[in-house]
C-alpha atoms as a PDB file:
ATOM      1  CA  MET A   1      27.893   9.172 -28.875  1.00  0.00           C
ATOM      2  CA  LYS A   2      30.439  10.007 -26.071  1.00  0.00           C
ATOM      3  CA  PHE A   3      30.780  12.203 -23.724  1.00  0.00           C
ATOM      4  CA  ASN A   4      33.867  14.301 -23.258  1.00  0.00           C
ATOM      5  CA  LYS A   5      33.761  13.825 -19.468  1.00  0.00           C
ATOM      6  CA  ILE A   6      31.736  12.561 -17.026  1.00  0.00           C
ATOM      7  CA  VAL A   7      31.106  13.225 -13.222  1.00  0.00           C
ATOM      8  CA  CYS A   8      29.681  11.551 -10.268  1.00  0.00           C
ATOM      9  CA  VAL A   9      29.294  14.958  -8.259  1.00  0.00           C
ATOM     10  CA  ASP A  10      28.454  13.559  -4.882  1.00  0.00           C
ATOM     11  CA  HIS A  11      27.676  10.102  -3.307  1.00  0.00           C
ATOM     12  CA  THR A  12      25.102   9.049  -6.038  1.00  0.00           C
ATOM     13  CA  LYS A  13      25.920   4.908  -4.990  1.00  0.00           C
ATOM     14  CA  LEU A  14      26.383   3.605  -7.707  1.00  0.00           C
ATOM     15  CA  ASN A  15      27.756   0.437  -8.117  1.00  0.00           C
ATOM     16  CA  ASP A  16      31.176  -0.510  -9.878  1.00  0.00           C
ATOM     17  CA  GLU A  17      29.509  -2.235 -12.648  1.00  0.00           C
ATOM     18  CA  ALA A  18      28.065   0.470 -13.415  1.00  0.00           C
ATOM     19  CA  ILE A  19      30.758   2.615 -13.330  1.00  0.00           C
ATOM     20  CA  SER A  20      32.599   0.803 -15.456  1.00  0.00           C
ATOM     21  CA  GLU A  21      30.129   0.995 -17.941  1.00  0.00           C
ATOM     22  CA  LEU A  22      29.845   4.893 -17.972  1.00  0.00           C
ATOM     23  CA  GLN A  23      33.793   4.685 -18.695  1.00  0.00           C
ATOM     24  CA  ASN A  24      32.812   3.186 -21.975  1.00  0.00           C
ATOM     25  CA  LEU A  25      30.715   6.408 -22.514  1.00  0.00           C
ATOM     26  CA  SER A  26      33.524   8.743 -21.810  1.00  0.00           C
ATOM     27  CA  GLU A  27      36.630  10.128 -23.244  1.00  0.00           C
ATOM     28  CA  SER A  28      38.217  11.180 -19.863  1.00  0.00           C
ATOM     29  CA  LYS A  29      38.388   9.241 -16.591  1.00  0.00           C
ATOM     30  CA  VAL A  30      34.830   9.179 -14.789  1.00  0.00           C
ATOM     31  CA  GLU A  31      35.155  11.231 -11.875  1.00  0.00           C
ATOM     32  CA  VAL A  32      33.379   9.899  -9.130  1.00  0.00           C
ATOM     33  CA  PHE A  33      33.173  11.219  -5.465  1.00  0.00           C
ATOM     34  CA  SER A  34      32.184   9.511  -2.568  1.00  0.00           C
ATOM     35  CA  ASP A  35      31.035  12.432  -0.068  1.00  0.00           C
ATOM     36  CA  TYR A  36      28.750  15.277  -0.718  1.00  0.00           C
ATOM     37  CA  PRO A  37      29.878  18.887  -2.321  1.00  0.00           C
ATOM     38  CA  ASP A  38      29.604  22.105   1.160  1.00  0.00           C
ATOM     39  CA  SER A  39      28.318  24.553  -1.406  1.00  0.00           C
ATOM     40  CA  LYS A  40      26.713  25.451  -4.893  1.00  0.00           C
ATOM     41  CA  ASN A  41      30.462  26.556  -6.020  1.00  0.00           C
ATOM     42  CA  GLU A  42      31.976  23.375  -4.560  1.00  0.00           C
ATOM     43  CA  VAL A  43      29.219  21.789  -7.038  1.00  0.00           C
ATOM     44  CA  ILE A  44      30.203  23.933 -10.269  1.00  0.00           C
ATOM     45  CA  GLU A  45      34.397  22.772  -9.664  1.00  0.00           C
ATOM     46  CA  ARG A  46      33.220  19.678  -9.706  1.00  0.00           C
ATOM     47  CA  ILE A  47      31.269  19.486 -12.799  1.00  0.00           C
ATOM     48  CA  GLY A  48      34.164  21.481 -14.789  1.00  0.00           C
ATOM     49  CA  ASN A  49      33.437  21.473 -18.257  1.00  0.00           C
ATOM     50  CA  ALA A  50      31.906  17.943 -18.042  1.00  0.00           C
ATOM     51  CA  GLU A  51      29.036  17.118 -20.338  1.00  0.00           C
ATOM     52  CA  ALA A  52      27.229  14.674 -18.159  1.00  0.00           C
ATOM     53  CA  VAL A  53      26.882  14.267 -14.916  1.00  0.00           C
ATOM     54  CA  PHE A  54      25.148  12.256 -12.286  1.00  0.00           C
ATOM     55  CA  VAL A  55      23.465  13.428  -8.708  1.00  0.00           C
ATOM     56  CA  SER A  56      22.335  11.757  -5.542  1.00  0.00           C
ATOM     57  CA  TRP A  57      18.958  13.455  -4.061  1.00  0.00           C
ATOM     58  CA  HIS A  58      20.733  14.727  -1.134  1.00  0.00           C
ATOM     59  CA  THR A  59      22.539  17.685  -3.246  1.00  0.00           C
ATOM     60  CA  GLU A  60      21.205  20.494  -5.367  1.00  0.00           C
ATOM     61  CA  LEU A  61      21.362  21.552  -9.140  1.00  0.00           C
ATOM     62  CA  ASP A  62      19.615  24.803  -9.007  1.00  0.00           C
ATOM     63  CA  GLU A  63      19.550  27.384 -11.989  1.00  0.00           C
ATOM     64  CA  GLU A  64      22.773  29.241 -11.148  1.00  0.00           C
ATOM     65  CA  ILE A  65      24.727  25.668 -11.028  1.00  0.00           C
ATOM     66  CA  ILE A  66      23.418  24.676 -14.003  1.00  0.00           C
ATOM     67  CA  GLU A  67      24.032  28.352 -16.029  1.00  0.00           C
ATOM     68  CA  ALA A  68      27.623  28.029 -14.921  1.00  0.00           C
ATOM     69  CA  CYS A  69      28.757  24.711 -15.945  1.00  0.00           C
ATOM     70  CA  PRO A  70      27.434  25.751 -19.680  1.00  0.00           C
ATOM     71  CA  ASN A  71      28.833  22.156 -21.298  1.00  0.00           C
ATOM     72  CA  LEU A  72      26.840  19.833 -19.660  1.00  0.00           C
ATOM     73  CA  LYS A  73      23.989  17.769 -22.274  1.00  0.00           C
ATOM     74  CA  TYR A  74      22.905  15.209 -19.714  1.00  0.00           C
ATOM     75  CA  ILE A  75      21.807  15.267 -16.013  1.00  0.00           C
ATOM     76  CA  GLY A  76      21.150  12.077 -14.499  1.00  0.00           C
ATOM     77  CA  MET A  77      19.242  12.024 -11.401  1.00  0.00           C
ATOM     78  CA  ALA A  78      20.427   8.336  -9.375  1.00  0.00           C
ATOM     79  CA  CYS A  79      17.268   9.526  -7.363  1.00  0.00           C
ATOM     80  CA  SER A  80      13.637   9.256  -8.064  1.00  0.00           C
ATOM     81  CA  LEU A  81      12.174  12.213 -10.504  1.00  0.00           C
ATOM     82  CA  TYR A  82       8.224  11.999  -9.477  1.00  0.00           C
ATOM     83  CA  ASP A  83       7.681  15.385 -11.048  1.00  0.00           C
ATOM     84  CA  ASP A  84       9.417  18.652 -11.958  1.00  0.00           C
ATOM     85  CA  GLU A  85       8.425  20.367  -8.589  1.00  0.00           C
ATOM     86  CA  SER A  86      10.096  18.335  -6.236  1.00  0.00           C
ATOM     87  CA  ALA A  87      12.854  17.493  -7.626  1.00  0.00           C
ATOM     88  CA  ASN A  88      16.559  18.365  -6.386  1.00  0.00           C
ATOM     89  CA  VAL A  89      17.398  19.434 -10.138  1.00  0.00           C
ATOM     90  CA  ALA A  90      16.150  22.546 -12.016  1.00  0.00           C
ATOM     91  CA  VAL A  91      14.458  20.003 -14.393  1.00  0.00           C
ATOM     92  CA  LYS A  92      12.292  23.022 -16.321  1.00  0.00           C
ATOM     93  CA  PHE A  93      15.198  25.864 -16.642  1.00  0.00           C
ATOM     94  CA  ALA A  94      17.873  22.365 -17.573  1.00  0.00           C
ATOM     95  CA  ARG A  95      15.355  20.944 -20.625  1.00  0.00           C
ATOM     96  CA  GLU A  96      15.081  24.867 -21.655  1.00  0.00           C
ATOM     97  CA  LYS A  97      18.465  24.780 -21.526  1.00  0.00           C
ATOM     98  CA  GLY A  98      18.480  21.922 -23.910  1.00  0.00           C
ATOM     99  CA  ILE A  99      19.933  19.771 -21.015  1.00  0.00           C
ATOM    100  CA  THR A 100      18.364  16.159 -21.066  1.00  0.00           C
ATOM    101  CA  VAL A 101      17.481  15.466 -17.261  1.00  0.00           C
ATOM    102  CA  LYS A 102      16.803  11.467 -16.534  1.00  0.00           C
ATOM    103  CA  GLY A 103      15.659  10.327 -12.750  1.00  0.00           C
ATOM    104  CA  ILE A 104      14.419   7.087 -11.996  1.00  0.00           C
ATOM    105  CA  ARG A 105      11.638   5.198  -9.600  1.00  0.00           C
ATOM    106  CA  ASP A 106      11.167   2.707  -8.159  1.00  0.00           C
ATOM    107  CA  TYR A 107      14.159   0.936  -6.975  1.00  0.00           C
ATOM    108  CA  GLY A 108      13.733   1.011  -2.952  1.00  0.00           C
ATOM    109  CA  ASP A 109      10.148   0.395  -2.747  1.00  0.00           C
ATOM    110  CA  PRO A 110       9.910  -3.272  -1.394  1.00  0.00           C
ATOM    111  CA  GLY A 111      12.840  -2.560   1.771  1.00  0.00           C
ATOM    112  CA  VAL A 112      10.775   0.291   2.548  1.00  0.00           C
ATOM    113  CA  ALA A 113       6.996  -1.567   2.822  1.00  0.00           C
ATOM    114  CA  GLU A 114       9.366  -4.134   5.327  1.00  0.00           C
ATOM    115  CA  PHE A 115      10.538  -1.486   7.483  1.00  0.00           C
ATOM    116  CA  ILE A 116       7.228  -0.101   7.984  1.00  0.00           C
ATOM    117  CA  ILE A 117       5.587  -3.610   8.675  1.00  0.00           C
ATOM    118  CA  SER A 118       8.809  -4.727  10.574  1.00  0.00           C
ATOM    119  CA  GLU A 119       9.031  -1.567  12.909  1.00  0.00           C
ATOM    120  CA  LEU A 120       4.954  -1.652  13.294  1.00  0.00           C
ATOM    121  CA  ILE A 121       4.348  -5.143  14.385  1.00  0.00           C
ATOM    122  CA  GLN A 122       7.880  -4.698  16.839  1.00  0.00           C
ATOM    123  CA  LEU A 123       6.090  -1.451  18.395  1.00  0.00           C
ATOM    124  CA  LEU A 124       2.546  -3.005  18.734  1.00  0.00           C
ATOM    125  CA  ASN A 125       3.920  -6.255  20.391  1.00  0.00           C
ATOM    126  CA  GLY A 126       6.771  -4.333  22.687  1.00  0.00           C
ATOM    127  CA  TYR A 127       9.342  -6.520  21.127  1.00  0.00           C
ATOM    128  CA  LYS A 128      11.234  -3.303  21.844  1.00  0.00           C
ATOM    129  CA  GLY A 129      10.296  -2.207  25.124  1.00  0.00           C
ATOM    130  CA  ARG A 130       8.264   0.182  23.754  1.00  0.00           C
ATOM    131  CA  GLN A 131       4.544  -0.775  23.251  1.00  0.00           C
ATOM    132  CA  TRP A 132       1.782   1.202  21.924  1.00  0.00           C
ATOM    133  CA  LYS A 133      -1.567   0.182  24.188  1.00  0.00           C
ATOM    134  CA  ASP A 134      -1.327  -1.979  27.291  1.00  0.00           C
ATOM    135  CA  MET A 135      -1.872  -5.315  25.698  1.00  0.00           C
ATOM    136  CA  PRO A 136      -0.384  -6.526  22.424  1.00  0.00           C
ATOM    137  CA  ARG A 137      -2.003  -5.825  19.456  1.00  0.00           C
ATOM    138  CA  GLU A 138      -2.321  -7.787  16.255  1.00  0.00           C
ATOM    139  CA  LEU A 139      -2.565  -5.915  12.674  1.00  0.00           C
ATOM    140  CA  THR A 140      -5.716  -8.045  11.944  1.00  0.00           C
ATOM    141  CA  ASP A 141      -8.428  -5.411  11.967  1.00  0.00           C
ATOM    142  CA  LEU A 142      -6.159  -2.274  12.603  1.00  0.00           C
ATOM    143  CA  LYS A 143      -7.238   1.071  10.453  1.00  0.00           C
ATOM    144  CA  PHE A 144      -4.601   1.926   8.887  1.00  0.00           C
ATOM    145  CA  GLY A 145      -3.938   5.376   6.554  1.00  0.00           C
ATOM    146  CA  ILE A 146      -2.143   5.535   3.655  1.00  0.00           C
ATOM    147  CA  ILE A 147      -0.985   8.979   2.630  1.00  0.00           C
ATOM    148  CA  GLY A 148      -0.148   8.931  -0.834  1.00  0.00           C
ATOM    149  CA  LEU A 149      -1.178   6.053  -2.821  1.00  0.00           C
ATOM    150  CA  GLY A 150       2.346   5.624  -5.275  1.00  0.00           C
ATOM    151  CA  VAL A 151       4.378   2.453  -5.662  1.00  0.00           C
ATOM    152  CA  THR A 152       5.372   2.281  -2.366  1.00  0.00           C
ATOM    153  CA  GLY A 153       2.114   2.871  -0.917  1.00  0.00           C
ATOM    154  CA  LYS A 154       0.371   0.378  -3.078  1.00  0.00           C
ATOM    155  CA  LEU A 155       3.366  -2.465  -1.897  1.00  0.00           C
ATOM    156  CA  LEU A 156       2.800  -1.553   1.679  1.00  0.00           C
ATOM    157  CA  ALA A 157      -0.853  -2.297   1.218  1.00  0.00           C
ATOM    158  CA  GLU A 158      -1.121  -5.283  -0.873  1.00  0.00           C
ATOM    159  CA  CYS A 159       1.589  -6.622   2.089  1.00  0.00           C
ATOM    160  CA  LEU A 160      -0.917  -5.534   4.741  1.00  0.00           C
ATOM    161  CA  ILE A 161      -4.342  -6.900   3.005  1.00  0.00           C
ATOM    162  CA  PRO A 162      -3.590 -10.413   3.761  1.00  0.00           C
ATOM    163  CA  PHE A 163      -3.444  -9.845   7.593  1.00  0.00           C
ATOM    164  CA  GLY A 164      -6.895  -8.645   7.590  1.00  0.00           C
ATOM    165  CA  VAL A 165      -5.924  -5.148   7.732  1.00  0.00           C
ATOM    166  CA  ASP A 166      -8.776  -2.141   7.702  1.00  0.00           C
ATOM    167  CA  LEU A 167      -7.046  -0.230   4.892  1.00  0.00           C
ATOM    168  CA  PHE A 168      -7.475   3.301   4.112  1.00  0.00           C
ATOM    169  CA  TYR A 169      -5.698   5.955   1.505  1.00  0.00           C
ATOM    170  CA  TYR A 170      -5.576   9.132   0.383  1.00  0.00           C
ATOM    171  CA  SER A 171      -3.954  10.119  -2.501  1.00  0.00           C
ATOM    172  CA  ARG A 172      -4.471  13.366  -5.260  1.00  0.00           C
ATOM    173  CA  THR A 173      -5.955  11.078  -7.140  1.00  0.00           C
ATOM    174  CA  ARG A 174      -8.527   7.856  -6.984  1.00  0.00           C
ATOM    175  CA  LYS A 175      -7.308   4.299  -7.203  1.00  0.00           C
ATOM    176  CA  LEU A 176     -10.523   2.910  -8.343  1.00  0.00           C
ATOM    177  CA  ASP A 177      -8.241  -0.405  -8.877  1.00  0.00           C
ATOM    178  CA  TRP A 178      -7.272  -0.582  -4.989  1.00  0.00           C
ATOM    179  CA  GLU A 179     -10.512   0.317  -3.944  1.00  0.00           C
ATOM    180  CA  LYS A 180     -11.579  -2.417  -5.415  1.00  0.00           C
ATOM    181  CA  LYS A 181      -8.946  -4.429  -3.527  1.00  0.00           C
ATOM    182  CA  GLY A 182     -10.490  -2.878  -0.094  1.00  0.00           C
ATOM    183  CA  VAL A 183      -8.715   0.149   0.291  1.00  0.00           C
ATOM    184  CA  ASP A 184     -11.200   2.518   0.836  1.00  0.00           C
ATOM    185  CA  TYR A 185     -10.627   5.809  -0.244  1.00  0.00           C
ATOM    186  CA  LEU A 186     -11.172   9.185   2.597  1.00  0.00           C
ATOM    187  CA  PRO A 187     -10.500  12.879   2.297  1.00  0.00           C
ATOM    188  CA  LEU A 188      -7.432  13.775   4.340  1.00  0.00           C
ATOM    189  CA  GLU A 189      -8.993  15.143   7.404  1.00  0.00           C
ATOM    190  CA  ASP A 190     -11.502  12.335   7.242  1.00  0.00           C
ATOM    191  CA  LEU A 191      -8.398   9.466   6.847  1.00  0.00           C
ATOM    192  CA  LEU A 192      -6.275  11.310   9.763  1.00  0.00           C
ATOM    193  CA  GLU A 193      -9.173  11.297  12.318  1.00  0.00           C
ATOM    194  CA  HIS A 194     -10.690   7.725  11.375  1.00  0.00           C
ATOM    195  CA  CYS A 195      -6.949   6.003  11.068  1.00  0.00           C
ATOM    196  CA  GLU A 196      -5.254   4.687  14.293  1.00  0.00           C
ATOM    197  CA  VAL A 197      -1.681   4.321  11.972  1.00  0.00           C
ATOM    198  CA  LEU A 198      -1.028   7.044   9.534  1.00  0.00           C
ATOM    199  CA  SER A 199       1.818   6.122   7.237  1.00  0.00           C
ATOM    200  CA  TYR A 200       3.455   8.812   4.814  1.00  0.00           C
ATOM    201  CA  HIS A 201       4.593   8.107   1.550  1.00  0.00           C
ATOM    202  CA  LEU A 202       4.887  11.971  -0.245  1.00  0.00           C
ATOM    203  CA  PRO A 203       7.195  13.712  -2.691  1.00  0.00           C
ATOM    204  CA  LYS A 204       9.673  15.914  -1.235  1.00  0.00           C
ATOM    205  CA  ASN A 205       8.616  19.064  -1.113  1.00  0.00           C
ATOM    206  CA  ALA A 206       4.713  17.952  -0.498  1.00  0.00           C
ATOM    207  CA  LYS A 207       2.883  21.001   1.102  1.00  0.00           C
ATOM    208  CA  PRO A 208       3.375  19.920   5.109  1.00  0.00           C
ATOM    209  CA  VAL A 209       0.364  19.744   7.146  1.00  0.00           C
ATOM    210  CA  GLY A 210      -0.151  21.494  10.659  1.00  0.00           C
ATOM    211  CA  LYS A 211      -2.016  22.295  13.564  1.00  0.00           C
ATOM    212  CA  LYS A 212      -5.323  21.776  12.128  1.00  0.00           C
ATOM    213  CA  GLU A 213      -4.668  18.561  10.564  1.00  0.00           C
ATOM    214  CA  PHE A 214      -2.932  17.323  13.961  1.00  0.00           C
ATOM    215  CA  GLU A 215      -5.856  18.259  15.755  1.00  0.00           C
ATOM    216  CA  LYS A 216      -7.949  15.867  13.524  1.00  0.00           C
ATOM    217  CA  ILE A 217      -5.354  12.877  14.323  1.00  0.00           C
ATOM    218  CA  GLY A 218      -5.840  13.177  18.014  1.00  0.00           C
ATOM    219  CA  ASN A 219      -3.899  11.615  20.141  1.00  0.00           C
ATOM    220  CA  GLY A 220      -3.262   7.877  20.814  1.00  0.00           C
ATOM    221  CA  LYS A 221      -2.141   7.043  17.496  1.00  0.00           C
ATOM    222  CA  ILE A 222       0.821   6.146  15.354  1.00  0.00           C
ATOM    223  CA  LEU A 223       2.260   8.187  12.703  1.00  0.00           C
ATOM    224  CA  ILE A 224       4.955   6.645  10.723  1.00  0.00           C
ATOM    225  CA  ASN A 225       7.030   8.771   7.897  1.00  0.00           C
ATOM    226  CA  THR A 226       9.497   7.654   4.928  1.00  0.00           C
ATOM    227  CA  SER A 227       9.034  10.472   2.615  1.00  0.00           C
ATOM    228  CA  LEU A 228      11.913  12.510   1.249  1.00  0.00           C
ATOM    229  CA  GLY A 229      11.971  15.535   3.454  1.00  0.00           C
ATOM    230  CA  LEU A 230       9.163  16.133   6.386  1.00  0.00           C
ATOM    231  CA  PRO A 231       5.086  16.339   4.972  1.00  0.00           C
ATOM    232  CA  PHE A 232       4.231  17.946   8.202  1.00  0.00           C
ATOM    233  CA  LYS A 233       5.330  21.006  10.262  1.00  0.00           C
ATOM    234  CA  GLU A 234       7.818  20.614  12.824  1.00  0.00           C
ATOM    235  CA  LYS A 235       6.589  22.141  15.316  1.00  0.00           C
ATOM    236  CA  ALA A 236       2.813  20.862  14.954  1.00  0.00           C
ATOM    237  CA  PHE A 237       4.401  17.735  15.111  1.00  0.00           C
ATOM    238  CA  GLN A 238       6.603  18.279  17.957  1.00  0.00           C
ATOM    239  CA  LYS A 239       3.349  19.037  20.059  1.00  0.00           C
ATOM    240  CA  TRP A 240       1.634  16.162  18.917  1.00  0.00           C
ATOM    241  CA  ILE A 241       4.245  13.386  19.689  1.00  0.00           C
ATOM    242  CA  ARG A 242       4.794  15.016  23.286  1.00  0.00           C
ATOM    243  CA  LYS A 243       1.603  13.958  24.086  1.00  0.00           C
ATOM    244  CA  GLU A 244       0.588  10.888  26.046  1.00  0.00           C
ATOM    245  CA  GLY A 245       0.009   7.809  23.764  1.00  0.00           C
ATOM    246  CA  ASN A 246       0.978   8.974  20.737  1.00  0.00           C
ATOM    247  CA  PHE A 247       4.049   7.407  18.778  1.00  0.00           C
ATOM    248  CA  ALA A 248       5.996   7.581  15.426  1.00  0.00           C
ATOM    249  CA  ILE A 249       8.227   5.582  12.980  1.00  0.00           C
ATOM    250  CA  PHE A 250      10.972   7.903  10.824  1.00  0.00           C
ATOM    251  CA  ASP A 251      13.534   6.428   8.941  1.00  0.00           C
ATOM    252  CA  GLY A 252      16.817   8.437   8.012  1.00  0.00           C
ATOM    253  CA  ASP A 253      15.141   9.986   4.890  1.00  0.00           C
ATOM    254  CA  GLY A 254      11.855  11.058   6.824  1.00  0.00           C
ATOM    255  CA  LYS A 255      13.652  12.308   9.803  1.00  0.00           C
ATOM    256  CA  LYS A 256      16.492  14.251   8.392  1.00  0.00           C
ATOM    257  CA  GLU A 257      14.748  17.603   8.355  1.00  0.00           C
ATOM    258  CA  LEU A 258      13.772  16.685  12.437  1.00  0.00           C
ATOM    259  CA  SER A 259      15.680  18.766  14.895  1.00  0.00           C
ATOM    260  CA  LYS A 260      17.842  17.197  17.724  1.00  0.00           C
ATOM    261  CA  GLU A 261      15.258  18.591  19.989  1.00  0.00           C
ATOM    262  CA  THR A 262      12.610  16.754  18.353  1.00  0.00           C
ATOM    263  CA  LEU A 263      14.373  14.114  18.130  1.00  0.00           C
ATOM    264  CA  LYS A 264      14.910  13.680  21.883  1.00  0.00           C
ATOM    265  CA  ALA A 265      11.012  13.072  21.818  1.00  0.00           C
ATOM    266  CA  GLU A 266      10.181   9.879  24.324  1.00  0.00           C
ATOM    267  CA  ARG A 267       8.272   7.995  21.540  1.00  0.00           C
ATOM    268  CA  LEU A 268       9.816   8.903  18.777  1.00  0.00           C
ATOM    269  CA  MET A 269      12.141   5.876  17.068  1.00  0.00           C
ATOM    270  CA  ALA A 270      14.042   7.130  14.034  1.00  0.00           C
ATOM    271  CA  LEU A 271      16.621   5.090  12.529  1.00  0.00           C
ATOM    272  CA  ASP A 272      19.761   6.815  11.132  1.00  0.00           C
ATOM    273  CA  ALA A 273      19.976   4.824   7.708  1.00  0.00           C
ATOM    274  CA  SER A 274      17.378   5.487   4.682  1.00  0.00           C
ATOM    275  CA  ALA A 275      14.814   2.282   4.829  1.00  0.00           C
ATOM    276  CA  GLY A 276      14.905  -0.012   1.973  1.00  0.00           C
ATOM    277  CA  TRP A 277      18.699   0.443   1.098  1.00  0.00           C
ATOM    278  CA  SER A 278      20.026  -3.135   0.725  1.00  0.00           C
ATOM    279  CA  SER A 279      22.361  -4.689  -2.338  1.00  0.00           C
ATOM    280  CA  GLN A 280      18.556  -5.365  -4.247  1.00  0.00           C
ATOM    281  CA  THR A 281      17.998  -1.497  -4.142  1.00  0.00           C
ATOM    282  CA  LEU A 282      21.599  -0.930  -5.066  1.00  0.00           C
ATOM    283  CA  LYS A 283      21.961  -2.916  -8.297  1.00  0.00           C
ATOM    284  CA  ARG A 284      17.688  -1.776  -9.191  1.00  0.00           C
ATOM    285  CA  LEU A 285      19.383   1.781  -8.667  1.00  0.00           C
ATOM    286  CA  SER A 286      22.575   1.155 -10.981  1.00  0.00           C
ATOM    287  CA  ASN A 287      20.470  -0.848 -13.763  1.00  0.00           C
ATOM    288  CA  LYS A 288      17.610   2.173 -14.035  1.00  0.00           C
ATOM    289  CA  VAL A 289      20.420   5.351 -13.830  1.00  0.00           C
ATOM    290  CA  LEU A 290      22.785   3.334 -16.643  1.00  0.00           C
ATOM    291  CA  ARG A 291      19.644   2.386 -19.071  1.00  0.00           C
ATOM    292  CA  ASN A 292      19.324   5.774 -18.932  1.00  0.00           C
ATOM    293  CA  ILE A 293      21.962   7.266 -20.096  1.00  0.00           C
ATOM    294  CA  LYS A 294      22.528   4.468 -22.575  1.00  0.00           C
ATOM    295  CA  ASP A 295      19.390   5.206 -24.179  1.00  0.00           C
ATOM    296  CA  TYR A 296      20.523   9.142 -24.636  1.00  0.00           C
ATOM    297  CA  SER A 297      23.871   7.493 -26.135  1.00  0.00           C
ATOM    298  CA  GLU A 298      22.586   5.520 -28.705  1.00  0.00           C
ATOM    299  CA  GLU A 299      19.498   8.228 -29.847  1.00  0.00           C
ATOM    300  CA  ASN A 300      22.566  10.504 -30.071  1.00  0.00           C
END
């Protein structure tokens, strides 16, 4: 089947090859926006009478927007879809309306793991001028806690194992196969207290931790966040990062909900760009998004 019109409602980052392939599925010219809409009304105007739309994680397609676009048949998320609750699309509502919603997963994880290891090594050794301890430190025997052992968390663990890192994880479900590899499970509060480095890998809208958890973390630790959003309460983090010996590493996605005041913290290192964005990431994202809509078109 062909759609009457396909719209990329914001900067989905789909490559030229994918856009060209989309044109084969659209009766009219594919409309591609390279910025992010400022309001719901602008999103609705951009979609118009289109039957298929693509959206990045930056833009929300809530019930009001979906209700206002009655021609929609297909929503393609050019971003991760882990579960309905954490999505920036009202997935359940859309499906109740007969609209197919498809997301992707596992397209930028290698680059995220590389970012974490690169930044951590530089901080441990003072290569950028800031150093965690008085003496440089190897990864060997470092007590490293991974919070959220999904694809990125597993890839990070796989990269760290050869260095002799003392690895621990917390996840909603036990990963017995990884425990056999030497990644030990700890309840969250025990992990926060025991580990020297804590790396968050949680979906958007994960329940944030607060003051009590930061008290468990204590001082002299390194906190890393590359989650899509903030998995802890900002005020609690702000108080923690100001204490002597505490350091934090954020990429562009992880820091986007931090206030300007928090970003001024002396021992907070925050990248402007999203970790893991590369030519390979772009190709994987585009291919997976395109595969989803092609499958839909072939089935209908």
